Amino acid sequence: MTNRKDIDPNFFESNQEDSIFEKLPKEVKEWAASLPWHQRRYVLSFSYILCGSSPEKQAEFLDDYIADGLAVKMLQDINTIKRVNKYLKWFRNQTKINEYMLRNYIRQYYIHSAQDVRCQPTQYLESALNLVINTEERNQIFNYILGFELIKIIFKMSWLQHEKLARLQTNQEAFINTYIKPIQYSHKINGIIVPRDKGIFFAKRDYYVQVPKISPKKLAELVMVTFSTNKVVKCGFDITRHIKAFKFDYDYIFKEQDPDGIFPLEFESLIN
């Protein structure tokens, strides 16, 4: 019997239609084909351990292994960063994209994605790989950052401010169902805002103008529990795709009002 130290290089070209190697970028296939046998065993062992780990462990590994390099690469996209920073400034958000922020958001994106696909870890691995090798997928991170920062702002609004924000939108019903109702439900079940005596005018006025008090860590956790990664990304995408897709007037929303004038006789809530 012939003792072969290396696998036949033609192995990577055989059965092309069914080969998993055909799904890899050309550079990866060439690198894999060039490895000697003992190094291929290392790749196999690594793949086995990674695929057998929980999505949370996969996210932790990806953060340690590639987040730094990925953040540096994304910082080269100057035009996208300027565009996202412009929208953040429009929301009166003090956050600006830098390497530290990007690295934290990349890690959060992994963790959030892992939560979304806890029952489908293979899909999570696929999305993580796409993020590394695909420029369009990396742009999803920028949409995720913008969407996440906006949702955090809405989470910190009073219900009266929710009402004002909803009234600005062209499609009020869709906006309320997609963002306002899930956030207000989260407020209630987490004891952040607890409506009492909803039928009594003055009781409603008290809780309706209450501004939520949420720590930064708790706020991030609530957003990730309330909204999927895809919904956060879509929120950011909707903002950037067209200047009129989302309407925001900071002065109108956050302007203080005379408590006695908050609910005029003709007032009818869009939300409740």
C-alpha atoms as a PDB file:
ATOM      1  CA  MET A   1       0.000   0.000   0.000  1.00  0.00           C
ATOM      2  CA  THR A   2       1.273   3.475  -0.846  1.00  0.00           C
ATOM      3  CA  ASN A   3       1.964   5.626   2.183  1.00  0.00           C
ATOM      4  CA  ARG A   4       0.901   9.153   1.255  1.00  0.00           C
ATOM      5  CA  LYS A   5       1.740  12.045   3.489  1.00  0.00           C
ATOM      6  CA  ASP A   6      -0.431  14.525   1.642  1.00  0.00           C
ATOM      7  CA  ILE A   7      -3.900  14.395   0.189  1.00  0.00           C
ATOM      8  CA  ASP A   8      -4.038  14.522  -3.576  1.00  0.00           C
ATOM      9  CA  PRO A   9      -4.359  18.221  -4.561  1.00  0.00           C
ATOM     10  CA  ASN A  10      -6.890  17.169  -7.198  1.00  0.00           C
ATOM     11  CA  PHE A  11      -9.210  16.281  -4.310  1.00  0.00           C
ATOM     12  CA  PHE A  12     -10.260  19.923  -4.164  1.00  0.00           C
ATOM     13  CA  GLU A  13     -11.200  19.901  -7.841  1.00  0.00           C
ATOM     14  CA  SER A  14     -13.147  16.614  -7.810  1.00  0.00           C
ATOM     15  CA  ASN A  15     -16.891  16.359  -7.381  1.00  0.00           C
ATOM     16  CA  GLN A  16     -17.138  20.095  -7.880  1.00  0.00           C
ATOM     17  CA  GLU A  17     -20.906  20.136  -7.948  1.00  0.00           C
ATOM     18  CA  ASP A  18     -21.198  18.656  -4.452  1.00  0.00           C
ATOM     19  CA  SER A  19     -17.943  19.815  -2.892  1.00  0.00           C
ATOM     20  CA  ILE A  20     -18.185  22.172   0.059  1.00  0.00           C
ATOM     21  CA  PHE A  21     -14.971  23.751  -1.177  1.00  0.00           C
ATOM     22  CA  GLU A  22     -16.883  25.241  -4.096  1.00  0.00           C
ATOM     23  CA  LYS A  23     -18.697  27.412  -1.570  1.00  0.00           C
ATOM     24  CA  LEU A  24     -15.410  28.949  -0.404  1.00  0.00           C
ATOM     25  CA  PRO A  25     -13.722  32.030  -1.893  1.00  0.00           C
ATOM     26  CA  LYS A  26     -10.952  31.242  -4.369  1.00  0.00           C
ATOM     27  CA  GLU A  27      -8.225  32.441  -1.999  1.00  0.00           C
ATOM     28  CA  VAL A  28      -9.451  30.107   0.747  1.00  0.00           C
ATOM     29  CA  LYS A  29      -9.556  27.109  -1.599  1.00  0.00           C
ATOM     30  CA  GLU A  30      -6.013  27.799  -2.768  1.00  0.00           C
ATOM     31  CA  TRP A  31      -4.808  28.130   0.813  1.00  0.00           C
ATOM     32  CA  ALA A  32      -6.586  24.910   1.876  1.00  0.00           C
ATOM     33  CA  ALA A  33      -5.140  22.996  -1.087  1.00  0.00           C
ATOM     34  CA  SER A  34      -1.614  24.151  -0.243  1.00  0.00           C
ATOM     35  CA  LEU A  35      -1.648  22.819   3.327  1.00  0.00           C
ATOM     36  CA  PRO A  36       0.345  19.673   4.137  1.00  0.00           C
ATOM     37  CA  TRP A  37      -1.427  16.783   5.851  1.00  0.00           C
ATOM     38  CA  HIS A  38      -0.505  17.594   9.451  1.00  0.00           C
ATOM     39  CA  GLN A  39      -1.803  21.173   9.076  1.00  0.00           C
ATOM     40  CA  ARG A  40      -5.030  19.931   7.537  1.00  0.00           C
ATOM     41  CA  ARG A  41      -5.595  17.935  10.718  1.00  0.00           C
ATOM     42  CA  TYR A  42      -5.343  21.183  12.670  1.00  0.00           C
ATOM     43  CA  VAL A  43      -8.008  22.749  10.450  1.00  0.00           C
ATOM     44  CA  LEU A  44     -10.262  19.731  10.942  1.00  0.00           C
ATOM     45  CA  SER A  45      -9.852  19.810  14.725  1.00  0.00           C
ATOM     46  CA  PHE A  46     -10.522  23.541  14.821  1.00  0.00           C
ATOM     47  CA  SER A  47     -13.652  23.177  12.657  1.00  0.00           C
ATOM     48  CA  TYR A  48     -14.956  20.360  14.855  1.00  0.00           C
ATOM     49  CA  ILE A  49     -14.545  22.351  18.072  1.00  0.00           C
ATOM     50  CA  LEU A  50     -16.047  25.546  16.616  1.00  0.00           C
ATOM     51  CA  CYS A  51     -19.098  23.821  15.131  1.00  0.00           C
ATOM     52  CA  GLY A  52     -19.675  21.910  18.374  1.00  0.00           C
ATOM     53  CA  SER A  53     -19.669  25.041  20.519  1.00  0.00           C
ATOM     54  CA  SER A  54     -22.734  27.019  21.544  1.00  0.00           C
ATOM     55  CA  PRO A  55     -23.570  30.181  19.569  1.00  0.00           C
ATOM     56  CA  GLU A  56     -22.520  32.258  22.587  1.00  0.00           C
ATOM     57  CA  LYS A  57     -19.079  30.572  22.641  1.00  0.00           C
ATOM     58  CA  GLN A  58     -18.771  31.045  18.902  1.00  0.00           C
ATOM     59  CA  ALA A  59     -19.503  34.756  19.378  1.00  0.00           C
ATOM     60  CA  GLU A  60     -16.889  34.981  22.115  1.00  0.00           C
ATOM     61  CA  PHE A  61     -14.270  33.321  19.917  1.00  0.00           C
ATOM     62  CA  LEU A  62     -15.071  35.498  16.900  1.00  0.00           C
ATOM     63  CA  ASP A  63     -14.791  38.588  19.057  1.00  0.00           C
ATOM     64  CA  ASP A  64     -11.343  37.573  20.298  1.00  0.00           C
ATOM     65  CA  TYR A  65     -10.104  36.372  16.923  1.00  0.00           C
ATOM     66  CA  ILE A  66     -11.327  38.838  14.293  1.00  0.00           C
ATOM     67  CA  ALA A  67     -13.192  41.798  15.813  1.00  0.00           C
ATOM     68  CA  ASP A  68     -10.107  44.028  16.012  1.00  0.00           C
ATOM     69  CA  GLY A  69      -9.106  43.471  12.406  1.00  0.00           C
ATOM     70  CA  LEU A  70     -12.688  43.766  11.191  1.00  0.00           C
ATOM     71  CA  ALA A  71     -13.148  47.068  13.033  1.00  0.00           C
ATOM     72  CA  VAL A  72      -9.985  48.500  11.493  1.00  0.00           C
ATOM     73  CA  LYS A  73     -11.128  47.421   8.020  1.00  0.00           C
ATOM     74  CA  MET A  74     -14.561  48.974   8.503  1.00  0.00           C
ATOM     75  CA  LEU A  75     -12.994  52.270   9.588  1.00  0.00           C
ATOM     76  CA  GLN A  76     -11.656  52.572   6.053  1.00  0.00           C
ATOM     77  CA  ASP A  77     -15.209  53.109   4.789  1.00  0.00           C
ATOM     78  CA  ILE A  78     -15.060  56.862   5.394  1.00  0.00           C
ATOM     79  CA  ASN A  79     -18.182  57.783   3.398  1.00  0.00           C
ATOM     80  CA  THR A  80     -20.449  55.345   5.251  1.00  0.00           C
ATOM     81  CA  ILE A  81     -19.084  56.455   8.620  1.00  0.00           C
ATOM     82  CA  LYS A  82     -19.745  60.108   7.774  1.00  0.00           C
ATOM     83  CA  ARG A  83     -23.302  59.274   6.708  1.00  0.00           C
ATOM     84  CA  VAL A  84     -24.073  57.323   9.893  1.00  0.00           C
ATOM     85  CA  ASN A  85     -22.522  60.041  12.084  1.00  0.00           C
ATOM     86  CA  LYS A  86     -24.688  62.605  10.292  1.00  0.00           C
ATOM     87  CA  TYR A  87     -27.852  60.733  11.258  1.00  0.00           C
ATOM     88  CA  LEU A  88     -26.662  60.240  14.829  1.00  0.00           C
ATOM     89  CA  LYS A  89     -26.111  64.001  15.062  1.00  0.00           C
ATOM     90  CA  TRP A  90     -29.624  64.559  13.679  1.00  0.00           C
ATOM     91  CA  PHE A  91     -30.981  62.523  16.609  1.00  0.00           C
ATOM     92  CA  ARG A  92     -28.898  64.693  18.999  1.00  0.00           C
ATOM     93  CA  ASN A  93     -26.973  61.525  19.855  1.00  0.00           C
ATOM     94  CA  GLN A  94     -23.494  62.163  21.229  1.00  0.00           C
ATOM     95  CA  THR A  95     -22.215  58.798  19.945  1.00  0.00           C
ATOM     96  CA  LYS A  96     -19.629  58.850  17.150  1.00  0.00           C
ATOM     97  CA  ILE A  97     -18.214  55.893  15.275  1.00  0.00           C
ATOM     98  CA  ASN A  98     -14.620  55.078  16.212  1.00  0.00           C
ATOM     99  CA  GLU A  99     -12.596  51.884  16.580  1.00  0.00           C
ATOM    100  CA  TYR A 100     -13.657  51.295  20.188  1.00  0.00           C
ATOM    101  CA  MET A 101     -17.352  51.747  19.393  1.00  0.00           C
ATOM    102  CA  LEU A 102     -17.131  49.554  16.286  1.00  0.00           C
ATOM    103  CA  ARG A 103     -15.424  46.748  18.166  1.00  0.00           C
ATOM    104  CA  ASN A 104     -18.092  46.798  20.879  1.00  0.00           C
ATOM    105  CA  TYR A 105     -20.892  46.824  18.315  1.00  0.00           C
ATOM    106  CA  ILE A 106     -19.331  43.974  16.314  1.00  0.00           C
ATOM    107  CA  ARG A 107     -19.230  41.876  19.487  1.00  0.00           C
ATOM    108  CA  GLN A 108     -22.795  42.864  20.346  1.00  0.00           C
ATOM    109  CA  TYR A 109     -23.917  42.003  16.818  1.00  0.00           C
ATOM    110  CA  TYR A 110     -22.465  38.493  17.220  1.00  0.00           C
ATOM    111  CA  ILE A 111     -24.174  38.015  20.586  1.00  0.00           C
ATOM    112  CA  HIS A 112     -27.480  39.424  19.349  1.00  0.00           C
ATOM    113  CA  SER A 113     -27.354  37.184  16.269  1.00  0.00           C
ATOM    114  CA  ALA A 114     -26.585  34.183  18.457  1.00  0.00           C
ATOM    115  CA  GLN A 115     -29.694  34.892  20.524  1.00  0.00           C
ATOM    116  CA  ASP A 116     -31.799  35.170  17.382  1.00  0.00           C
ATOM    117  CA  VAL A 117     -30.698  31.794  16.022  1.00  0.00           C
ATOM    118  CA  ARG A 118     -30.208  29.835  19.239  1.00  0.00           C
ATOM    119  CA  CYS A 119     -32.046  26.911  17.674  1.00  0.00           C
ATOM    120  CA  GLN A 120     -30.224  27.268  14.334  1.00  0.00           C
ATOM    121  CA  PRO A 121     -26.507  27.685  15.108  1.00  0.00           C
ATOM    122  CA  THR A 122     -25.444  26.758  11.571  1.00  0.00           C
ATOM    123  CA  GLN A 123     -27.208  29.840  10.261  1.00  0.00           C
ATOM    124  CA  TYR A 124     -25.341  31.920  12.794  1.00  0.00           C
ATOM    125  CA  LEU A 125     -21.980  30.560  11.620  1.00  0.00           C
ATOM    126  CA  GLU A 126     -22.952  31.318   8.041  1.00  0.00           C
ATOM    127  CA  SER A 127     -23.903  34.902   8.881  1.00  0.00           C
ATOM    128  CA  ALA A 128     -20.654  35.407  10.804  1.00  0.00           C
ATOM    129  CA  LEU A 129     -18.613  34.110   7.856  1.00  0.00           C
ATOM    130  CA  ASN A 130     -20.478  36.386   5.452  1.00  0.00           C
ATOM    131  CA  LEU A 131     -19.724  39.313   7.712  1.00  0.00           C
ATOM    132  CA  VAL A 132     -15.998  38.629   7.443  1.00  0.00           C
ATOM    133  CA  ILE A 133     -15.735  38.089   3.690  1.00  0.00           C
ATOM    134  CA  ASN A 134     -18.586  40.178   2.272  1.00  0.00           C
ATOM    135  CA  THR A 135     -18.492  43.976   2.090  1.00  0.00           C
ATOM    136  CA  GLU A 136     -22.280  44.245   1.817  1.00  0.00           C
ATOM    137  CA  GLU A 137     -22.689  42.180   4.962  1.00  0.00           C
ATOM    138  CA  ARG A 138     -20.276  44.464   6.799  1.00  0.00           C
ATOM    139  CA  ASN A 139     -22.462  47.400   5.832  1.00  0.00           C
ATOM    140  CA  GLN A 140     -25.176  45.688   7.844  1.00  0.00           C
ATOM    141  CA  ILE A 141     -23.163  46.530  10.950  1.00  0.00           C
ATOM    142  CA  PHE A 142     -23.461  50.241  10.173  1.00  0.00           C
ATOM    143  CA  ASN A 143     -27.238  49.880   9.705  1.00  0.00           C
ATOM    144  CA  TYR A 144     -27.318  47.893  12.954  1.00  0.00           C
ATOM    145  CA  ILE A 145     -25.503  50.671  14.834  1.00  0.00           C
ATOM    146  CA  LEU A 146     -27.843  53.356  13.505  1.00  0.00           C
ATOM    147  CA  GLY A 147     -30.972  51.305  14.169  1.00  0.00           C
ATOM    148  CA  PHE A 148     -29.819  50.300  17.647  1.00  0.00           C
ATOM    149  CA  GLU A 149     -28.993  53.874  18.658  1.00  0.00           C
ATOM    150  CA  LEU A 150     -32.383  55.128  17.457  1.00  0.00           C
ATOM    151  CA  ILE A 151     -34.286  52.351  19.239  1.00  0.00           C
ATOM    152  CA  LYS A 152     -32.404  53.188  22.442  1.00  0.00           C
ATOM    153  CA  ILE A 153     -33.589  56.794  22.088  1.00  0.00           C
ATOM    154  CA  ILE A 154     -37.200  55.643  21.661  1.00  0.00           C
ATOM    155  CA  PHE A 155     -36.864  53.303  24.646  1.00  0.00           C
ATOM    156  CA  LYS A 156     -35.917  56.315  26.803  1.00  0.00           C
ATOM    157  CA  MET A 157     -38.887  58.401  25.659  1.00  0.00           C
ATOM    158  CA  SER A 158     -42.041  58.943  27.670  1.00  0.00           C
ATOM    159  CA  TRP A 159     -45.266  57.604  26.196  1.00  0.00           C
ATOM    160  CA  LEU A 160     -46.313  61.142  25.357  1.00  0.00           C
ATOM    161  CA  GLN A 161     -43.086  61.528  23.382  1.00  0.00           C
ATOM    162  CA  HIS A 162     -43.888  58.226  21.649  1.00  0.00           C
ATOM    163  CA  GLU A 163     -47.202  59.762  20.662  1.00  0.00           C
ATOM    164  CA  LYS A 164     -45.489  62.800  19.181  1.00  0.00           C
ATOM    165  CA  LEU A 165     -42.925  60.723  17.304  1.00  0.00           C
ATOM    166  CA  ALA A 166     -45.646  58.486  15.846  1.00  0.00           C
ATOM    167  CA  ARG A 167     -47.651  61.495  14.655  1.00  0.00           C
ATOM    168  CA  LEU A 168     -44.659  62.621  12.586  1.00  0.00           C
ATOM    169  CA  GLN A 169     -44.509  59.422  10.558  1.00  0.00           C
ATOM    170  CA  THR A 170     -46.146  58.928   7.179  1.00  0.00           C
ATOM    171  CA  ASN A 171     -47.273  55.389   7.977  1.00  0.00           C
ATOM    172  CA  GLN A 172     -48.247  55.832  11.605  1.00  0.00           C
ATOM    173  CA  GLU A 173     -49.897  52.440  12.113  1.00  0.00           C
ATOM    174  CA  ALA A 174     -46.893  50.476  10.834  1.00  0.00           C
ATOM    175  CA  PHE A 175     -44.481  52.535  12.933  1.00  0.00           C
ATOM    176  CA  ILE A 176     -46.569  52.080  16.083  1.00  0.00           C
ATOM    177  CA  ASN A 177     -46.918  48.320  15.607  1.00  0.00           C
ATOM    178  CA  THR A 178     -43.256  47.826  14.708  1.00  0.00           C
ATOM    179  CA  TYR A 179     -41.580  49.984  17.355  1.00  0.00           C
ATOM    180  CA  ILE A 180     -43.852  51.781  19.828  1.00  0.00           C
ATOM    181  CA  LYS A 181     -46.047  48.910  21.005  1.00  0.00           C
ATOM    182  CA  PRO A 182     -43.154  46.447  21.586  1.00  0.00           C
ATOM    183  CA  ILE A 183     -41.246  49.118  23.515  1.00  0.00           C
ATOM    184  CA  GLN A 184     -44.212  50.111  25.665  1.00  0.00           C
ATOM    185  CA  TYR A 185     -44.929  46.439  26.350  1.00  0.00           C
ATOM    186  CA  SER A 186     -41.299  46.052  27.473  1.00  0.00           C
ATOM    187  CA  HIS A 187     -41.712  49.127  29.696  1.00  0.00           C
ATOM    188  CA  LYS A 188     -44.708  47.507  31.376  1.00  0.00           C
ATOM    189  CA  ILE A 189     -43.419  43.964  31.902  1.00  0.00           C
ATOM    190  CA  ASN A 190     -40.099  45.255  33.242  1.00  0.00           C
ATOM    191  CA  GLY A 191     -41.782  47.677  35.651  1.00  0.00           C
ATOM    192  CA  ILE A 192     -40.246  50.744  33.996  1.00  0.00           C
ATOM    193  CA  ILE A 193     -43.594  52.420  33.350  1.00  0.00           C
ATOM    194  CA  VAL A 194     -46.633  50.863  34.987  1.00  0.00           C
ATOM    195  CA  PRO A 195     -50.013  52.250  33.869  1.00  0.00           C
ATOM    196  CA  ARG A 196     -52.506  52.491  36.705  1.00  0.00           C
ATOM    197  CA  ASP A 197     -56.141  53.552  36.586  1.00  0.00           C
ATOM    198  CA  LYS A 198     -55.991  54.031  32.810  1.00  0.00           C
ATOM    199  CA  GLY A 199     -59.571  55.245  32.719  1.00  0.00           C
ATOM    200  CA  ILE A 200     -58.899  58.138  35.065  1.00  0.00           C
ATOM    201  CA  PHE A 201     -57.714  61.283  33.286  1.00  0.00           C
ATOM    202  CA  PHE A 202     -55.259  62.569  35.884  1.00  0.00           C
ATOM    203  CA  ALA A 203     -53.833  59.113  36.589  1.00  0.00           C
ATOM    204  CA  LYS A 204     -53.132  58.653  32.890  1.00  0.00           C
ATOM    205  CA  ARG A 205     -51.454  62.034  32.721  1.00  0.00           C
ATOM    206  CA  ASP A 206     -49.001  60.995  35.448  1.00  0.00           C
ATOM    207  CA  TYR A 207     -47.707  57.802  33.843  1.00  0.00           C
ATOM    208  CA  TYR A 208     -47.980  59.105  30.277  1.00  0.00           C
ATOM    209  CA  VAL A 209     -45.434  61.860  30.889  1.00  0.00           C
ATOM    210  CA  GLN A 210     -43.098  59.672  32.974  1.00  0.00           C
ATOM    211  CA  VAL A 211     -39.594  59.562  31.455  1.00  0.00           C
ATOM    212  CA  PRO A 212     -38.088  56.046  31.778  1.00  0.00           C
ATOM    213  CA  LYS A 213     -34.984  55.648  33.913  1.00  0.00           C
ATOM    214  CA  ILE A 214     -32.867  52.821  32.475  1.00  0.00           C
ATOM    215  CA  SER A 215     -29.158  52.149  32.973  1.00  0.00           C
ATOM    216  CA  PRO A 216     -27.037  51.863  29.778  1.00  0.00           C
ATOM    217  CA  LYS A 217     -26.412  48.149  30.330  1.00  0.00           C
ATOM    218  CA  LYS A 218     -30.082  47.387  30.984  1.00  0.00           C
ATOM    219  CA  LEU A 219     -31.088  49.495  27.993  1.00  0.00           C
ATOM    220  CA  ALA A 220     -28.915  47.460  25.603  1.00  0.00           C
ATOM    221  CA  GLU A 221     -30.276  44.222  27.065  1.00  0.00           C
ATOM    222  CA  LEU A 222     -33.879  45.373  26.618  1.00  0.00           C
ATOM    223  CA  VAL A 223     -33.333  46.347  22.982  1.00  0.00           C
ATOM    224  CA  MET A 224     -31.778  42.951  22.192  1.00  0.00           C
ATOM    225  CA  VAL A 225     -34.596  41.062  23.920  1.00  0.00           C
ATOM    226  CA  THR A 226     -37.344  43.165  22.325  1.00  0.00           C
ATOM    227  CA  PHE A 227     -36.056  43.313  18.735  1.00  0.00           C
ATOM    228  CA  SER A 228     -34.287  40.782  16.525  1.00  0.00           C
ATOM    229  CA  THR A 229     -31.010  41.613  14.787  1.00  0.00           C
ATOM    230  CA  ASN A 230     -32.831  41.820  11.460  1.00  0.00           C
ATOM    231  CA  LYS A 231     -35.368  44.322  12.790  1.00  0.00           C
ATOM    232  CA  VAL A 232     -32.610  46.538  14.182  1.00  0.00           C
ATOM    233  CA  VAL A 233     -30.738  46.377  10.866  1.00  0.00           C
ATOM    234  CA  LYS A 234     -33.925  47.165   8.941  1.00  0.00           C
ATOM    235  CA  CYS A 235     -34.544  50.161  11.193  1.00  0.00           C
ATOM    236  CA  GLY A 236     -31.138  51.585  10.278  1.00  0.00           C
ATOM    237  CA  PHE A 237     -31.597  50.731   6.612  1.00  0.00           C
ATOM    238  CA  ASP A 238     -35.013  52.432   6.474  1.00  0.00           C
ATOM    239  CA  ILE A 239     -33.484  55.619   7.850  1.00  0.00           C
ATOM    240  CA  THR A 240     -30.668  55.762   5.311  1.00  0.00           C
ATOM    241  CA  ARG A 241     -32.486  54.585   2.190  1.00  0.00           C
ATOM    242  CA  HIS A 242     -34.513  57.780   1.790  1.00  0.00           C
ATOM    243  CA  ILE A 243     -34.374  61.103   3.586  1.00  0.00           C
ATOM    244  CA  LYS A 244     -38.166  61.107   4.120  1.00  0.00           C
ATOM    245  CA  ALA A 245     -38.521  57.459   5.162  1.00  0.00           C
ATOM    246  CA  PHE A 246     -38.271  58.408   8.825  1.00  0.00           C
ATOM    247  CA  LYS A 247     -39.235  61.763  10.330  1.00  0.00           C
ATOM    248  CA  PHE A 248     -37.658  63.117  13.472  1.00  0.00           C
ATOM    249  CA  ASP A 249     -38.108  66.549  15.054  1.00  0.00           C
ATOM    250  CA  TYR A 250     -36.152  66.720  18.303  1.00  0.00           C
ATOM    251  CA  ASP A 251     -37.554  70.070  19.465  1.00  0.00           C
ATOM    252  CA  TYR A 252     -41.165  69.004  18.857  1.00  0.00           C
ATOM    253  CA  ILE A 253     -40.784  65.599  20.519  1.00  0.00           C
ATOM    254  CA  PHE A 254     -38.885  66.702  23.606  1.00  0.00           C
ATOM    255  CA  LYS A 255     -40.379  70.152  24.128  1.00  0.00           C
ATOM    256  CA  GLU A 256     -41.781  70.458  27.637  1.00  0.00           C
ATOM    257  CA  GLN A 257     -45.496  71.148  27.876  1.00  0.00           C
ATOM    258  CA  ASP A 258     -47.776  72.568  30.511  1.00  0.00           C
ATOM    259  CA  PRO A 259     -49.126  69.475  32.310  1.00  0.00           C
ATOM    260  CA  ASP A 260     -52.660  70.866  32.123  1.00  0.00           C
ATOM    261  CA  GLY A 261     -52.392  71.183  28.345  1.00  0.00           C
ATOM    262  CA  ILE A 262     -51.057  67.735  27.590  1.00  0.00           C
ATOM    263  CA  PHE A 263     -54.441  66.084  27.003  1.00  0.00           C
ATOM    264  CA  PRO A 264     -56.891  68.552  25.429  1.00  0.00           C
ATOM    265  CA  LEU A 265     -60.532  67.513  25.168  1.00  0.00           C
ATOM    266  CA  GLU A 266     -60.134  66.493  21.530  1.00  0.00           C
ATOM    267  CA  PHE A 267     -57.054  64.399  22.255  1.00  0.00           C
ATOM    268  CA  GLU A 268     -57.254  60.850  20.968  1.00  0.00           C
ATOM    269  CA  SER A 269     -54.246  58.591  21.300  1.00  0.00           C
ATOM    270  CA  LEU A 270     -52.895  56.914  18.178  1.00  0.00           C
ATOM    271  CA  ILE A 271     -51.391  54.138  20.263  1.00  0.00           C
ATOM    272  CA  ASN A 272     -53.963  53.079  22.874  1.00  0.00           C
END
